[in-house]
Amino acid sequence: MNQYLAVVNHLGQYSVWPSHLPVPAGWREVFGPADQEHVLDYIETVWTNIVPVATQR
């Protein structure tokens, strides 16, 4: 079974990332490894405002 991470960048944008690959520069791991469904559930729970942090007022 494939495992994934939830990663977030400095703008507060989230992404699903394969756990067997290095996390790209500018992103950090915040959840996982877990199956894709659980990672997506996590992101849906925590990323309630998809507007990048830099543009929020």
Foldseek 3Di string as FASTA:
>chain_A
DWWWFWKAFPQRAIDIGGPVDDDDPRIDTDDDRDDPVVRVVVCVVPPVDNGGNVPDD
